[in-house]
C-alpha atoms as a PDB file:
ATOM      1  CA  MET A   1      -8.589  23.291   3.005  1.00  0.00           C
ATOM      2  CA  THR A   2      -7.415  24.074   6.507  1.00  0.00           C
ATOM      3  CA  THR A   3      -8.095  21.862   9.493  1.00  0.00           C
ATOM      4  CA  GLU A   4     -10.333  24.525  11.003  1.00  0.00           C
ATOM      5  CA  ILE A   5     -12.543  24.628   7.920  1.00  0.00           C
ATOM      6  CA  VAL A   6     -12.719  20.835   7.749  1.00  0.00           C
ATOM      7  CA  PHE A   7     -13.818  20.545  11.359  1.00  0.00           C
ATOM      8  CA  THR A   8     -16.337  23.350  10.900  1.00  0.00           C
ATOM      9  CA  GLU A   9     -17.861  21.500   7.934  1.00  0.00           C
ATOM     10  CA  LEU A  10     -17.900  18.254   9.885  1.00  0.00           C
ATOM     11  CA  GLU A  11     -19.654  19.942  12.795  1.00  0.00           C
ATOM     12  CA  ARG A  12     -22.310  21.333  10.468  1.00  0.00           C
ATOM     13  CA  GLY A  13     -22.698  17.990   8.715  1.00  0.00           C
ATOM     14  CA  THR A  14     -22.095  19.550   5.310  1.00  0.00           C
ATOM     15  CA  ARG A  15     -19.500  17.137   4.023  1.00  0.00           C
ATOM     16  CA  ASP A  16     -19.916  16.427   0.366  1.00  0.00           C
ATOM     17  CA  ARG A  17     -19.105  13.263  -1.594  1.00  0.00           C
ATOM     18  CA  THR A  18     -15.747  14.656  -2.707  1.00  0.00           C
ATOM     19  CA  PHE A  19     -14.645  15.140   0.889  1.00  0.00           C
ATOM     20  CA  ASP A  20     -15.796  11.619   1.794  1.00  0.00           C
ATOM     21  CA  ASP A  21     -13.921  10.245  -1.214  1.00  0.00           C
ATOM     22  CA  PHE A  22     -10.789  12.115  -0.137  1.00  0.00           C
ATOM     23  CA  LEU A  23     -10.983  10.655   3.365  1.00  0.00           C
ATOM     24  CA  GLY A  24     -11.462   7.189   1.905  1.00  0.00           C
ATOM     25  CA  ILE A  25      -8.529   7.533  -0.467  1.00  0.00           C
ATOM     26  CA  ALA A  26      -6.340   8.987   2.274  1.00  0.00           C
ATOM     27  CA  GLY A  27      -7.169   6.013   4.481  1.00  0.00           C
ATOM     28  CA  LEU A  28      -6.381   3.548   1.700  1.00  0.00           C
ATOM     29  CA  MET A  29      -3.077   5.248   0.974  1.00  0.00           C
ATOM     30  CA  SER A  30      -2.213   5.140   4.659  1.00  0.00           C
ATOM     31  CA  MET A  31      -2.905   1.399   4.691  1.00  0.00           C
ATOM     32  CA  ALA A  32      -0.773   0.927   1.560  1.00  0.00           C
ATOM     33  CA  GLU A  33       2.088   2.897   3.131  1.00  0.00           C
ATOM     34  CA  THR A  34       1.882   0.734   6.251  1.00  0.00           C
ATOM     35  CA  GLU A  35       2.026  -2.465   4.188  1.00  0.00           C
ATOM     36  CA  LEU A  36       4.954  -1.149   2.117  1.00  0.00           C
ATOM     37  CA  ALA A  37       6.860  -0.039   5.223  1.00  0.00           C
ATOM     38  CA  ALA A  38       6.402  -3.422   6.889  1.00  0.00           C
ATOM     39  CA  PHE A  39       7.533  -5.226   3.749  1.00  0.00           C
ATOM     40  CA  THR A  40      10.625  -3.098   3.202  1.00  0.00           C
ATOM     41  CA  GLY A  41      11.515  -3.331   6.886  1.00  0.00           C
ATOM     42  CA  VAL A  42      11.583  -7.114   6.749  1.00  0.00           C
ATOM     43  CA  VAL A  43      13.491  -7.128   3.456  1.00  0.00           C
ATOM     44  CA  THR A  44      16.068  -4.760   4.952  1.00  0.00           C
ATOM     45  CA  ASP A  45      16.506  -7.019   7.982  1.00  0.00           C
ATOM     46  CA  LEU A  46      16.851 -10.182   5.894  1.00  0.00           C
ATOM     47  CA  PHE A  47      18.574  -9.038   2.701  1.00  0.00           C
ATOM     48  CA  GLY A  48      19.947  -5.524   3.254  1.00  0.00           C
ATOM     49  CA  SER A  49      19.121  -2.039   2.106  1.00  0.00           C
ATOM     50  CA  GLU A  50      19.949  -2.558  -1.580  1.00  0.00           C
ATOM     51  CA  GLN A  51      17.384  -5.352  -1.901  1.00  0.00           C
ATOM     52  CA  ALA A  52      14.930  -3.326   0.180  1.00  0.00           C
ATOM     53  CA  GLN A  53      15.193  -0.393  -2.235  1.00  0.00           C
ATOM     54  CA  GLN A  54      14.623  -2.637  -5.247  1.00  0.00           C
ATOM     55  CA  SER A  55      11.797  -4.430  -3.457  1.00  0.00           C
ATOM     56  CA  ALA A  56      10.120  -1.110  -2.659  1.00  0.00           C
ATOM     57  CA  GLU A  57      10.256  -0.233  -6.354  1.00  0.00           C
ATOM     58  CA  ASP A  58       8.825  -3.665  -7.188  1.00  0.00           C
ATOM     59  CA  TRP A  59       6.045  -3.132  -4.649  1.00  0.00           C
ATOM     60  CA  VAL A  60       5.097   0.217  -6.190  1.00  0.00           C
ATOM     61  CA  GLU A  61       5.085  -1.322  -9.677  1.00  0.00           C
ATOM     62  CA  GLU A  62       2.831  -4.134  -8.482  1.00  0.00           C
ATOM     63  CA  PHE A  63       0.623  -1.568  -6.743  1.00  0.00           C
ATOM     64  CA  GLU A  64       0.227   0.272 -10.040  1.00  0.00           C
ATOM     65  CA  LEU A  65      -0.745  -2.989 -11.786  1.00  0.00           C
ATOM     66  CA  MET A  66      -3.257  -3.972  -9.116  1.00  0.00           C
ATOM     67  CA  GLU A  67      -6.912  -4.161 -10.089  1.00  0.00           C
ATOM     68  CA  TRP A  68      -8.943  -2.045  -7.690  1.00  0.00           C
ATOM     69  CA  PRO A  69     -12.226  -3.411  -6.364  1.00  0.00           C
ATOM     70  CA  ASP A  70     -15.284  -1.905  -8.056  1.00  0.00           C
ATOM     71  CA  ASP A  71     -17.208  -1.612  -4.837  1.00  0.00           C
ATOM     72  CA  GLU A  72     -16.063  -0.038  -1.604  1.00  0.00           C
ATOM     73  CA  ALA A  73     -14.073  -3.109  -0.598  1.00  0.00           C
ATOM     74  CA  ILE A  74     -10.585  -2.586   0.757  1.00  0.00           C
ATOM     75  CA  PRO A  75      -7.911  -3.504  -1.803  1.00  0.00           C
ATOM     76  CA  GLU A  76      -5.920  -6.631  -1.037  1.00  0.00           C
ATOM     77  CA  TRP A  77      -2.549  -5.095  -0.196  1.00  0.00           C
ATOM     78  CA  ARG A  78      -1.134  -8.527   0.637  1.00  0.00           C
ATOM     79  CA  SER A  79      -1.425  -9.547  -3.008  1.00  0.00           C
ATOM     80  CA  VAL A  80       0.854  -6.626  -3.899  1.00  0.00           C
ATOM     81  CA  THR A  81       3.344  -7.703  -1.222  1.00  0.00           C
ATOM     82  CA  ILE A  82       3.221 -11.326  -2.390  1.00  0.00           C
ATOM     83  CA  ALA A  83       3.940 -10.298  -5.990  1.00  0.00           C
ATOM     84  CA  ALA A  84       6.844  -8.086  -4.880  1.00  0.00           C
ATOM     85  CA  SER A  85       8.117 -10.948  -2.687  1.00  0.00           C
ATOM     86  CA  ALA A  86       8.093 -13.261  -5.697  1.00  0.00           C
ATOM     87  CA  ARG A  87      10.277 -10.779  -7.571  1.00  0.00           C
ATOM     88  CA  LEU A  88      12.632 -10.614  -4.587  1.00  0.00           C
ATOM     89  CA  ALA A  89      12.821 -14.404  -4.413  1.00  0.00           C
ATOM     90  CA  GLY A  90      13.764 -14.519  -8.081  1.00  0.00           C
ATOM     91  CA  ARG A  91      16.558 -11.994  -7.533  1.00  0.00           C
ATOM     92  CA  VAL A  92      18.077 -13.660  -4.487  1.00  0.00           C
ATOM     93  CA  GLY A  93      17.644 -17.209  -5.762  1.00  0.00           C
ATOM     94  CA  VAL A  94      15.060 -18.453  -3.273  1.00  0.00           C
ATOM     95  CA  HIS A  95      12.929 -21.290  -4.601  1.00  0.00           C
ATOM     96  CA  ALA A  96       9.681 -22.599  -3.175  1.00  0.00           C
ATOM     97  CA  ALA A  97       9.896 -26.041  -1.625  1.00  0.00           C
ATOM     98  CA  ALA A  98       8.139 -28.770  -3.563  1.00  0.00           C
ATOM     99  CA  ALA A  99       4.951 -29.936  -1.884  1.00  0.00           C
END
């Protein structure tokens, strides 16, 4: 669907549920990409590009395992990042301090 057609449909108010779903999914994927980029950027700065690459793969695996909300709630991307961070910590030998 071209941009011109999309805007024409929006102007006429004829969007259907599929188009709304697409916009919602596109927005969620954009948010996920932002979270992943921030995570890998920090990992690169702290541990180097090799760990960042592995951490990105871990993040995607955790993303695939994530349970999506049943309603229209926004998924908790931080939980994916936390799980990938735990994997990173295990690889680099970082242990949580005892409380």
